[in-house]
Amino acid sequence: MRRALAMGMAAVASVAGMITAPAASAATSACSIQPYGLIGDYWRSLGGEDSIIDCPTGVEYSIPNRNGRRQNFEDGQIAWSPDQGGRMIVAAYAAKVNGRRAVVFRWGPSTPFTYDYWKISVRTSDGSLNRTGNVDNQPSSHGKFVVYPAAAGVKVSFTVMGCDDLRLNPCRQGWTLWVSATSN
């Protein structure tokens, strides 16, 4: 039986996606702040200064009382969330998907962990979408989820955790760090 995240909003869809990061490349000059480490690798895999998420607006920073780091960009956020896998990256960014305003959430890889399904929590600044639900139509170590806000200027925030058995609900590694993007 397939479990789907029923968001109660006609403008929500999920699709599979894989996060990969090539080796770090030389710094470019268009952005005054250059991301580094896994966040920088992921940013470069999106196209770096020419990526959909654009340039960083500040340096990466630690999250109080959590393992990991987050960095803000002009069109979203990228975070390293190592409790869910040593190379786990979560990212949210504004985009056009099939010609529609969207906010994209991507995560992975969760290696060495793999999961039967994912639990995603989504919150919007306008209160139109504040839900947590299960998604099982994603690969076992990464995924992608797309939200289609009705208006520009809506901040959409995401977190995800991998789970194994629906009956027992063992989601041992817990939630990733939150990431957000504002629809444009």
N, C-alpha and C. Protein backbone atom coordinates (compact mmCIF):
# COMPACT_ATOMS: atom_id res chain seq x y z
N MET A 1 0.85 -1.18 0.00
CA MET A 1 0.00 0.00 0.00
C MET A 1 0.89 1.23 0.00
N ARG A 2 0.57 2.19 -0.83
CA ARG A 2 1.36 3.42 -0.92
C ARG A 2 0.81 4.44 0.06
N ARG A 3 1.72 5.07 0.79
CA ARG A 3 1.34 6.15 1.69
C ARG A 3 1.70 7.45 1.00
N ALA A 4 0.82 8.39 1.00
CA ALA A 4 1.10 9.69 0.37
C ALA A 4 0.89 10.80 1.37
N LEU A 5 1.65 11.83 1.26
CA LEU A 5 1.52 12.98 2.12
C LEU A 5 0.35 13.81 1.63
N ALA A 6 -0.71 13.80 2.36
CA ALA A 6 -1.89 14.57 1.98
C ALA A 6 -1.76 15.94 2.62
N MET A 7 -1.41 16.91 1.84
CA MET A 7 -1.15 18.24 2.37
C MET A 7 -2.39 19.10 2.46
N GLY A 8 -3.49 18.69 1.92
CA GLY A 8 -4.69 19.49 2.00
C GLY A 8 -4.58 20.76 1.18
N MET A 9 -3.73 20.75 0.16
CA MET A 9 -3.52 21.92 -0.68
C MET A 9 -3.31 21.40 -2.09
N ALA A 10 -4.10 21.86 -3.02
CA ALA A 10 -4.04 21.35 -4.38
C ALA A 10 -2.69 21.60 -5.02
N ALA A 11 -1.92 22.49 -4.47
CA ALA A 11 -0.68 22.91 -5.12
C ALA A 11 0.54 22.19 -4.55
N VAL A 12 0.46 20.91 -4.25
CA VAL A 12 1.58 20.18 -3.71
C VAL A 12 1.81 18.93 -4.54
N ALA A 13 3.06 18.65 -4.86
CA ALA A 13 3.40 17.43 -5.58
C ALA A 13 4.75 16.95 -5.10
N SER A 14 5.01 15.68 -5.25
CA SER A 14 6.32 15.17 -4.90
C SER A 14 6.87 14.39 -6.08
N VAL A 15 8.19 14.50 -6.27
CA VAL A 15 8.87 13.78 -7.34
C VAL A 15 10.21 13.33 -6.82
N ALA A 16 10.73 12.25 -7.36
CA ALA A 16 12.02 11.75 -6.93
C ALA A 16 13.12 12.64 -7.49
N GLY A 17 14.21 12.75 -6.72
CA GLY A 17 15.36 13.52 -7.17
C GLY A 17 16.58 13.05 -6.43
N MET A 18 17.71 13.20 -7.02
CA MET A 18 18.94 12.73 -6.38
C MET A 18 19.88 13.90 -6.17
N ILE A 19 20.48 13.94 -5.01
CA ILE A 19 21.44 14.99 -4.71
C ILE A 19 22.83 14.41 -4.89
N THR A 20 23.60 15.04 -5.74
CA THR A 20 24.99 14.66 -5.90
C THR A 20 25.82 15.92 -5.86
N ALA A 21 27.04 15.79 -5.46
CA ALA A 21 27.91 16.96 -5.39
C ALA A 21 29.26 16.61 -5.99
N PRO A 22 29.67 17.33 -7.02
CA PRO A 22 30.99 17.10 -7.59
C PRO A 22 32.07 17.64 -6.66
N ALA A 23 33.29 17.32 -6.98
CA ALA A 23 34.42 17.84 -6.20
C ALA A 23 34.40 19.36 -6.24
N ALA A 24 34.87 19.97 -5.18
CA ALA A 24 34.90 21.43 -5.10
C ALA A 24 35.72 22.00 -6.24
N SER A 25 35.23 23.10 -6.79
CA SER A 25 35.96 23.76 -7.87
C SER A 25 36.53 25.08 -7.36
N ALA A 26 37.32 25.72 -8.17
CA ALA A 26 37.94 26.98 -7.77
C ALA A 26 36.87 28.03 -7.50
N ALA A 27 37.14 28.91 -6.57
CA ALA A 27 36.20 29.96 -6.21
C ALA A 27 35.95 30.89 -7.39
N THR A 28 34.73 31.39 -7.48
CA THR A 28 34.39 32.32 -8.53
C THR A 28 34.26 33.71 -7.92
N SER A 29 34.23 34.73 -8.76
CA SER A 29 34.27 36.09 -8.24
C SER A 29 32.91 36.76 -8.16
N ALA A 30 31.85 36.18 -8.73
CA ALA A 30 30.56 36.85 -8.75
C ALA A 30 29.93 36.94 -7.35
N CYS A 31 30.22 36.02 -6.49
CA CYS A 31 29.67 36.03 -5.13
C CYS A 31 30.78 36.44 -4.16
N SER A 32 30.51 37.41 -3.32
CA SER A 32 31.52 37.89 -2.39
C SER A 32 31.82 36.87 -1.29
N ILE A 33 30.86 36.00 -0.98
CA ILE A 33 31.05 34.94 0.01
C ILE A 33 31.07 33.62 -0.74
N GLN A 34 32.07 32.81 -0.48
CA GLN A 34 32.20 31.51 -1.14
C GLN A 34 31.89 30.39 -0.15
N PRO A 35 30.82 29.62 -0.41
CA PRO A 35 30.53 28.46 0.44
C PRO A 35 31.67 27.44 0.35
N TYR A 36 31.82 26.63 1.39
CA TYR A 36 32.87 25.63 1.44
C TYR A 36 32.30 24.33 1.98
N GLY A 37 33.10 23.30 2.03
CA GLY A 37 32.68 22.01 2.58
C GLY A 37 31.52 21.41 1.80
N LEU A 38 30.71 20.60 2.49
CA LEU A 38 29.59 19.93 1.83
C LEU A 38 28.54 20.92 1.33
N ILE A 39 28.31 22.00 2.06
CA ILE A 39 27.37 23.01 1.60
C ILE A 39 27.89 23.64 0.32
N GLY A 40 29.16 23.98 0.30
CA GLY A 40 29.76 24.55 -0.90
C GLY A 40 29.73 23.58 -2.08
N ASP A 41 30.03 22.31 -1.82
CA ASP A 41 29.97 21.30 -2.88
C ASP A 41 28.56 21.21 -3.47
N TYR A 42 27.57 21.20 -2.60
CA TYR A 42 26.19 21.11 -3.09
C TYR A 42 25.82 22.35 -3.89
N TRP A 43 26.18 23.53 -3.39
CA TRP A 43 25.91 24.78 -4.10
C TRP A 43 26.54 24.74 -5.49
N ARG A 44 27.78 24.28 -5.57
CA ARG A 44 28.44 24.18 -6.87
C ARG A 44 27.74 23.16 -7.77
N SER A 45 27.22 22.07 -7.18
CA SER A 45 26.50 21.07 -8.00
C SER A 45 25.23 21.66 -8.60
N LEU A 46 24.70 22.70 -7.96
CA LEU A 46 23.52 23.39 -8.50
C LEU A 46 23.90 24.44 -9.55
N GLY A 47 25.19 24.72 -9.68
CA GLY A 47 25.65 25.72 -10.64
C GLY A 47 26.40 26.87 -10.02
N GLY A 48 26.64 26.82 -8.70
CA GLY A 48 27.41 27.88 -8.02
C GLY A 48 26.75 29.23 -8.18
N GLU A 49 27.54 30.22 -8.56
CA GLU A 49 27.04 31.60 -8.68
C GLU A 49 25.92 31.71 -9.70
N ASP A 50 25.84 30.78 -10.65
CA ASP A 50 24.78 30.80 -11.65
C ASP A 50 23.64 29.85 -11.30
N SER A 51 23.64 29.33 -10.08
CA SER A 51 22.63 28.34 -9.69
C SER A 51 21.28 28.97 -9.40
N ILE A 52 20.31 28.14 -9.29
CA ILE A 52 18.95 28.58 -8.99
C ILE A 52 18.85 29.21 -7.61
N ILE A 53 19.77 28.86 -6.72
CA ILE A 53 19.73 29.38 -5.34
C ILE A 53 20.53 30.67 -5.20
N ASP A 54 21.34 31.00 -6.20
CA ASP A 54 22.09 32.25 -6.30
C ASP A 54 23.23 32.31 -5.28
N CYS A 55 23.67 33.51 -4.94
CA CYS A 55 24.83 33.71 -4.06
C CYS A 55 24.44 33.63 -2.58
N PRO A 56 25.40 33.28 -1.72
CA PRO A 56 25.16 33.30 -0.28
C PRO A 56 24.92 34.74 0.21
N THR A 57 24.09 34.87 1.22
CA THR A 57 23.86 36.18 1.84
C THR A 57 24.63 36.32 3.15
N GLY A 58 25.28 35.25 3.56
CA GLY A 58 26.09 35.25 4.77
C GLY A 58 26.90 33.97 4.83
N VAL A 59 27.78 33.88 5.82
CA VAL A 59 28.60 32.68 5.98
C VAL A 59 27.76 31.57 6.61
N GLU A 60 28.23 30.34 6.47
CA GLU A 60 27.50 29.24 7.12
C GLU A 60 27.65 29.35 8.62
N TYR A 61 26.67 28.84 9.35
CA TYR A 61 26.66 28.99 10.80
C TYR A 61 26.13 27.73 11.47
N SER A 62 26.53 27.56 12.73
CA SER A 62 26.08 26.43 13.54
C SER A 62 24.66 26.68 14.03
N ILE A 63 23.97 25.59 14.35
CA ILE A 63 22.61 25.65 14.86
C ILE A 63 22.67 25.34 16.35
N PRO A 64 22.16 26.23 17.21
CA PRO A 64 22.22 25.98 18.65
C PRO A 64 21.58 24.64 19.04
N ASN A 65 22.27 23.87 19.86
CA ASN A 65 21.79 22.60 20.40
C ASN A 65 21.54 21.54 19.34
N ARG A 66 22.14 21.67 18.17
CA ARG A 66 22.00 20.68 17.09
C ARG A 66 23.35 20.46 16.43
N ASN A 67 23.54 19.29 15.86
CA ASN A 67 24.71 19.04 15.02
C ASN A 67 24.38 19.55 13.63
N GLY A 68 25.34 20.16 12.99
CA GLY A 68 25.13 20.60 11.63
C GLY A 68 25.36 22.09 11.46
N ARG A 69 25.21 22.53 10.20
CA ARG A 69 25.43 23.93 9.85
C ARG A 69 24.46 24.30 8.75
N ARG A 70 24.14 25.60 8.67
CA ARG A 70 23.21 26.10 7.66
C ARG A 70 23.82 27.34 7.03
N GLN A 71 23.45 27.57 5.76
CA GLN A 71 23.87 28.79 5.08
C GLN A 71 22.68 29.35 4.29
N ASN A 72 22.51 30.66 4.38
CA ASN A 72 21.44 31.35 3.67
C ASN A 72 21.94 31.81 2.30
N PHE A 73 21.06 31.73 1.32
CA PHE A 73 21.35 32.16 -0.04
C PHE A 73 20.24 33.10 -0.47
N GLU A 74 20.44 33.81 -1.57
CA GLU A 74 19.45 34.78 -2.03
C GLU A 74 18.09 34.13 -2.28
N ASP A 75 18.08 32.88 -2.73
CA ASP A 75 16.82 32.21 -3.04
C ASP A 75 16.61 30.92 -2.26
N GLY A 76 17.15 30.83 -1.04
CA GLY A 76 16.89 29.64 -0.23
C GLY A 76 17.95 29.39 0.82
N GLN A 77 18.01 28.14 1.28
CA GLN A 77 18.96 27.72 2.30
C GLN A 77 19.48 26.33 1.98
N ILE A 78 20.72 26.07 2.40
CA ILE A 78 21.31 24.74 2.35
C ILE A 78 21.83 24.44 3.74
N ALA A 79 21.62 23.21 4.22
CA ALA A 79 22.12 22.81 5.54
C ALA A 79 22.76 21.44 5.47
N TRP A 80 23.78 21.26 6.28
CA TRP A 80 24.41 19.96 6.50
C TRP A 80 23.84 19.43 7.79
N SER A 81 23.24 18.23 7.76
CA SER A 81 22.54 17.65 8.91
C SER A 81 23.11 16.26 9.18
N PRO A 82 24.29 16.17 9.83
CA PRO A 82 25.03 14.91 9.92
C PRO A 82 24.40 13.83 10.79
N ASP A 83 23.45 14.14 11.64
CA ASP A 83 22.83 13.09 12.45
C ASP A 83 22.03 12.12 11.59
N GLN A 84 21.67 12.53 10.39
CA GLN A 84 20.89 11.69 9.49
C GLN A 84 21.76 11.07 8.40
N GLY A 85 23.06 11.13 8.56
CA GLY A 85 24.04 10.59 7.61
C GLY A 85 25.16 11.60 7.49
N GLY A 86 26.38 11.16 7.49
CA GLY A 86 27.54 12.05 7.52
C GLY A 86 27.60 13.07 6.39
N ARG A 87 26.94 12.77 5.26
CA ARG A 87 26.95 13.70 4.11
C ARG A 87 25.55 14.22 3.80
N MET A 88 24.63 14.10 4.77
CA MET A 88 23.24 14.53 4.54
C MET A 88 23.15 16.03 4.36
N ILE A 89 22.65 16.43 3.20
CA ILE A 89 22.39 17.83 2.87
C ILE A 89 20.89 17.99 2.67
N VAL A 90 20.33 19.05 3.23
CA VAL A 90 18.95 19.43 2.95
C VAL A 90 18.99 20.83 2.35
N ALA A 91 18.14 21.07 1.36
CA ALA A 91 18.15 22.36 0.68
C ALA A 91 16.73 22.73 0.29
N ALA A 92 16.44 24.02 0.38
CA ALA A 92 15.15 24.55 -0.10
C ALA A 92 15.47 25.75 -0.96
N TYR A 93 14.78 25.86 -2.11
CA TYR A 93 15.01 27.00 -2.99
C TYR A 93 13.77 27.29 -3.82
N ALA A 94 13.61 28.57 -4.14
CA ALA A 94 12.52 29.01 -5.00
C ALA A 94 12.86 28.66 -6.44
N ALA A 95 11.85 28.26 -7.21
CA ALA A 95 12.08 27.87 -8.60
C ALA A 95 10.79 27.96 -9.39
N LYS A 96 10.91 27.84 -10.69
CA LYS A 96 9.76 27.64 -11.56
C LYS A 96 9.79 26.16 -11.93
N VAL A 97 8.70 25.46 -11.69
CA VAL A 97 8.59 24.05 -12.04
C VAL A 97 7.40 23.91 -12.97
N ASN A 98 7.66 23.45 -14.17
CA ASN A 98 6.61 23.35 -15.19
C ASN A 98 5.88 24.68 -15.37
N GLY A 99 6.65 25.77 -15.31
CA GLY A 99 6.10 27.11 -15.52
C GLY A 99 5.34 27.67 -14.34
N ARG A 100 5.34 26.97 -13.20
CA ARG A 100 4.61 27.43 -12.01
C ARG A 100 5.58 27.83 -10.91
N ARG A 101 5.14 28.79 -10.08
CA ARG A 101 5.90 29.21 -8.90
C ARG A 101 5.99 28.01 -7.95
N ALA A 102 7.20 27.73 -7.47
CA ALA A 102 7.39 26.58 -6.60
C ALA A 102 8.49 26.83 -5.60
N VAL A 103 8.48 26.04 -4.53
CA VAL A 103 9.60 25.94 -3.61
C VAL A 103 9.97 24.46 -3.58
N VAL A 104 11.24 24.18 -3.87
CA VAL A 104 11.74 22.82 -3.97
C VAL A 104 12.52 22.47 -2.71
N PHE A 105 12.28 21.28 -2.19
CA PHE A 105 13.01 20.75 -1.04
C PHE A 105 13.70 19.48 -1.49
N ARG A 106 15.02 19.41 -1.25
CA ARG A 106 15.80 18.22 -1.61
C ARG A 106 16.61 17.77 -0.40
N TRP A 107 16.82 16.45 -0.32
CA TRP A 107 17.62 15.91 0.79
C TRP A 107 18.40 14.69 0.33
N GLY A 108 19.51 14.44 1.05
CA GLY A 108 20.30 13.24 0.81
C GLY A 108 21.76 13.57 0.59
N PRO A 109 22.61 12.60 0.54
CA PRO A 109 22.33 11.20 0.81
C PRO A 109 22.36 10.90 2.32
N SER A 110 21.56 9.94 2.72
CA SER A 110 21.48 9.57 4.13
C SER A 110 22.46 8.44 4.48
N THR A 111 23.33 8.08 3.58
CA THR A 111 24.30 7.01 3.79
C THR A 111 25.02 7.20 5.13
N PRO A 112 25.13 6.20 5.95
CA PRO A 112 24.93 4.78 5.71
C PRO A 112 23.51 4.30 5.95
N PHE A 113 22.58 5.19 6.22
CA PHE A 113 21.21 4.81 6.53
C PHE A 113 20.37 4.76 5.25
N THR A 114 19.45 3.79 5.18
CA THR A 114 18.45 3.74 4.13
C THR A 114 17.10 3.53 4.81
N TYR A 115 16.03 3.95 4.12
CA TYR A 115 14.72 3.97 4.76
C TYR A 115 13.63 3.42 3.86
N ASP A 116 12.56 2.94 4.49
CA ASP A 116 11.38 2.47 3.76
C ASP A 116 10.51 3.63 3.31
N TYR A 117 10.46 4.69 4.12
CA TYR A 117 9.67 5.86 3.77
C TYR A 117 10.23 7.08 4.49
N TRP A 118 9.74 8.24 4.10
CA TRP A 118 10.18 9.51 4.67
C TRP A 118 9.01 10.21 5.32
N LYS A 119 9.27 10.88 6.41
CA LYS A 119 8.28 11.73 7.08
C LYS A 119 8.74 13.17 6.82
N ILE A 120 7.88 13.98 6.21
CA ILE A 120 8.21 15.36 5.88
C ILE A 120 7.29 16.29 6.64
N SER A 121 7.87 17.36 7.17
CA SER A 121 7.08 18.41 7.81
C SER A 121 7.27 19.69 7.00
N VAL A 122 6.15 20.33 6.67
CA VAL A 122 6.15 21.54 5.86
C VAL A 122 5.37 22.62 6.61
N ARG A 123 5.92 23.83 6.63
CA ARG A 123 5.24 24.98 7.24
C ARG A 123 5.32 26.16 6.28
N THR A 124 4.26 26.93 6.19
CA THR A 124 4.29 28.14 5.36
C THR A 124 4.04 29.36 6.23
N SER A 125 4.63 30.48 5.81
CA SER A 125 4.51 31.71 6.59
C SER A 125 3.09 32.26 6.60
N ASP A 126 2.29 31.92 5.60
CA ASP A 126 0.90 32.41 5.56
C ASP A 126 -0.07 31.44 6.23
N GLY A 127 0.44 30.32 6.76
CA GLY A 127 -0.41 29.36 7.46
C GLY A 127 -1.23 28.47 6.56
N SER A 128 -1.05 28.57 5.25
CA SER A 128 -1.86 27.77 4.33
C SER A 128 -1.46 26.30 4.31
N LEU A 129 -0.27 26.00 4.79
CA LEU A 129 0.21 24.63 4.75
C LEU A 129 1.11 24.38 5.95
N ASN A 130 0.58 23.70 6.94
CA ASN A 130 1.34 23.33 8.13
C ASN A 130 1.00 21.89 8.44
N ARG A 131 1.76 20.98 7.82
CA ARG A 131 1.43 19.56 7.91
C ARG A 131 2.69 18.71 8.03
N THR A 132 2.50 17.54 8.61
CA THR A 132 3.52 16.51 8.65
C THR A 132 2.87 15.24 8.12
N GLY A 133 3.56 14.55 7.23
CA GLY A 133 3.00 13.32 6.68
C GLY A 133 4.06 12.43 6.10
N ASN A 134 3.65 11.24 5.70
CA ASN A 134 4.56 10.23 5.18
C ASN A 134 4.60 10.26 3.66
N VAL A 135 5.79 10.05 3.12
CA VAL A 135 5.99 9.95 1.68
C VAL A 135 6.81 8.70 1.42
N ASP A 136 6.31 7.80 0.57
CA ASP A 136 7.07 6.58 0.30
C ASP A 136 7.47 6.43 -1.17
N ASN A 137 7.22 7.44 -1.97
CA ASN A 137 7.55 7.34 -3.39
C ASN A 137 8.91 7.98 -3.70
N GLN A 138 9.83 7.91 -2.75
CA GLN A 138 11.17 8.47 -2.89
C GLN A 138 12.19 7.35 -2.75
N PRO A 139 13.40 7.54 -3.29
CA PRO A 139 14.46 6.55 -3.08
C PRO A 139 14.76 6.39 -1.59
N SER A 140 15.48 5.35 -1.23
CA SER A 140 15.71 5.03 0.18
C SER A 140 16.76 5.89 0.86
N SER A 141 17.51 6.72 0.10
CA SER A 141 18.56 7.52 0.74
C SER A 141 18.51 9.00 0.39
N HIS A 142 17.55 9.44 -0.41
CA HIS A 142 17.46 10.84 -0.80
C HIS A 142 16.08 11.10 -1.41
N GLY A 143 15.78 12.38 -1.64
CA GLY A 143 14.50 12.67 -2.27
C GLY A 143 14.31 14.13 -2.59
N LYS A 144 13.15 14.40 -3.15
CA LYS A 144 12.78 15.75 -3.57
C LYS A 144 11.28 15.91 -3.38
N PHE A 145 10.89 17.08 -2.89
CA PHE A 145 9.48 17.38 -2.66
C PHE A 145 9.24 18.81 -3.11
N VAL A 146 8.18 19.04 -3.83
CA VAL A 146 7.90 20.36 -4.39
C VAL A 146 6.56 20.87 -3.87
N VAL A 147 6.54 22.13 -3.43
CA VAL A 147 5.33 22.80 -2.99
C VAL A 147 5.07 23.96 -3.95
N TYR A 148 3.82 24.15 -4.33
CA TYR A 148 3.43 25.22 -5.25
C TYR A 148 2.59 26.24 -4.49
N PRO A 149 3.23 27.26 -3.87
CA PRO A 149 2.47 28.29 -3.15
C PRO A 149 1.58 29.08 -4.11
N ALA A 150 0.45 29.53 -3.62
CA ALA A 150 -0.49 30.27 -4.45
C ALA A 150 -0.01 31.69 -4.73
N ALA A 151 0.86 32.23 -3.87
CA ALA A 151 1.28 33.62 -4.02
C ALA A 151 2.79 33.75 -3.86
N ALA A 152 3.33 34.82 -4.41
CA ALA A 152 4.74 35.16 -4.20
C ALA A 152 4.91 35.67 -2.77
N GLY A 153 6.12 35.52 -2.24
CA GLY A 153 6.41 36.03 -0.91
C GLY A 153 6.04 35.10 0.23
N VAL A 154 5.65 33.87 -0.07
CA VAL A 154 5.31 32.90 0.97
C VAL A 154 6.57 32.12 1.33
N LYS A 155 6.97 32.16 2.60
CA LYS A 155 8.12 31.40 3.07
C LYS A 155 7.66 29.97 3.36
N VAL A 156 8.37 29.00 2.78
CA VAL A 156 8.05 27.59 2.98
C VAL A 156 9.25 26.94 3.66
N SER A 157 9.01 26.26 4.79
CA SER A 157 10.07 25.62 5.58
C SER A 157 9.85 24.11 5.59
N PHE A 158 10.96 23.36 5.57
CA PHE A 158 10.90 21.89 5.49
C PHE A 158 11.88 21.25 6.46
N THR A 159 11.51 20.05 6.89
CA THR A 159 12.42 19.13 7.56
C THR A 159 11.96 17.73 7.19
N VAL A 160 12.86 16.76 7.28
CA VAL A 160 12.54 15.39 6.88
C VAL A 160 13.22 14.41 7.82
N MET A 161 12.64 13.23 7.99
CA MET A 161 13.34 12.14 8.68
C MET A 161 12.97 10.83 8.00
N GLY A 162 13.95 9.94 7.97
CA GLY A 162 13.75 8.63 7.38
C GLY A 162 13.23 7.66 8.42
N CYS A 163 12.32 6.78 7.98
CA CYS A 163 11.70 5.81 8.89
C CYS A 163 11.71 4.43 8.23
N ASP A 164 11.64 3.39 9.06
CA ASP A 164 11.75 2.04 8.53
C ASP A 164 10.43 1.28 8.46
N ASP A 165 9.78 1.00 9.53
CA ASP A 165 8.59 0.17 9.52
C ASP A 165 7.40 1.00 9.96
N LEU A 166 6.41 1.15 9.08
CA LEU A 166 5.26 2.00 9.37
C LEU A 166 4.54 1.59 10.64
N ARG A 167 4.45 0.29 10.92
CA ARG A 167 3.74 -0.18 12.11
C ARG A 167 4.46 0.21 13.39
N LEU A 168 5.78 0.16 13.37
CA LEU A 168 6.56 0.46 14.57
C LEU A 168 7.02 1.91 14.62
N ASN A 169 7.01 2.58 13.48
CA ASN A 169 7.43 3.97 13.35
C ASN A 169 8.82 4.25 13.91
N PRO A 170 9.81 3.39 13.60
CA PRO A 170 11.17 3.69 14.07
C PRO A 170 11.86 4.68 13.14
N CYS A 171 11.97 5.87 13.58
CA CYS A 171 12.64 6.93 12.83
C CYS A 171 13.85 7.32 13.66
N ARG A 172 14.80 6.42 13.75
CA ARG A 172 15.89 6.49 14.72
C ARG A 172 16.78 7.72 14.62
N GLN A 173 17.04 8.23 13.42
CA GLN A 173 17.98 9.34 13.30
C GLN A 173 17.32 10.70 13.53
N GLY A 174 16.00 10.75 13.63
CA GLY A 174 15.30 12.00 13.93
C GLY A 174 15.23 12.95 12.75
N TRP A 175 14.77 14.15 13.04
CA TRP A 175 14.54 15.16 12.02
C TRP A 175 15.85 15.83 11.60
N THR A 176 15.94 16.20 10.32
CA THR A 176 17.04 17.01 9.82
C THR A 176 16.87 18.43 10.32
N LEU A 177 17.85 19.25 10.06
CA LEU A 177 17.72 20.69 10.31
C LEU A 177 16.63 21.23 9.37
N TRP A 178 15.98 22.31 9.78
CA TRP A 178 14.99 22.99 8.94
C TRP A 178 15.70 23.82 7.90
N VAL A 179 15.13 23.90 6.70
CA VAL A 179 15.56 24.83 5.67
C VAL A 179 14.33 25.49 5.08
N SER A 180 14.51 26.71 4.57
CA SER A 180 13.38 27.51 4.06
C SER A 180 13.75 28.24 2.78
N ALA A 181 12.71 28.59 2.03
CA ALA A 181 12.86 29.45 0.86
C ALA A 181 11.55 30.22 0.70
N THR A 182 11.64 31.38 0.09
CA THR A 182 10.46 32.22 -0.14
C THR A 182 10.10 32.19 -1.61
N SER A 183 8.83 31.92 -1.89
CA SER A 183 8.39 31.83 -3.28
C SER A 183 8.50 33.19 -3.97
N ASN A 184 8.82 33.15 -5.24
CA ASN A 184 8.92 34.42 -5.98
C ASN A 184 8.13 34.36 -7.27
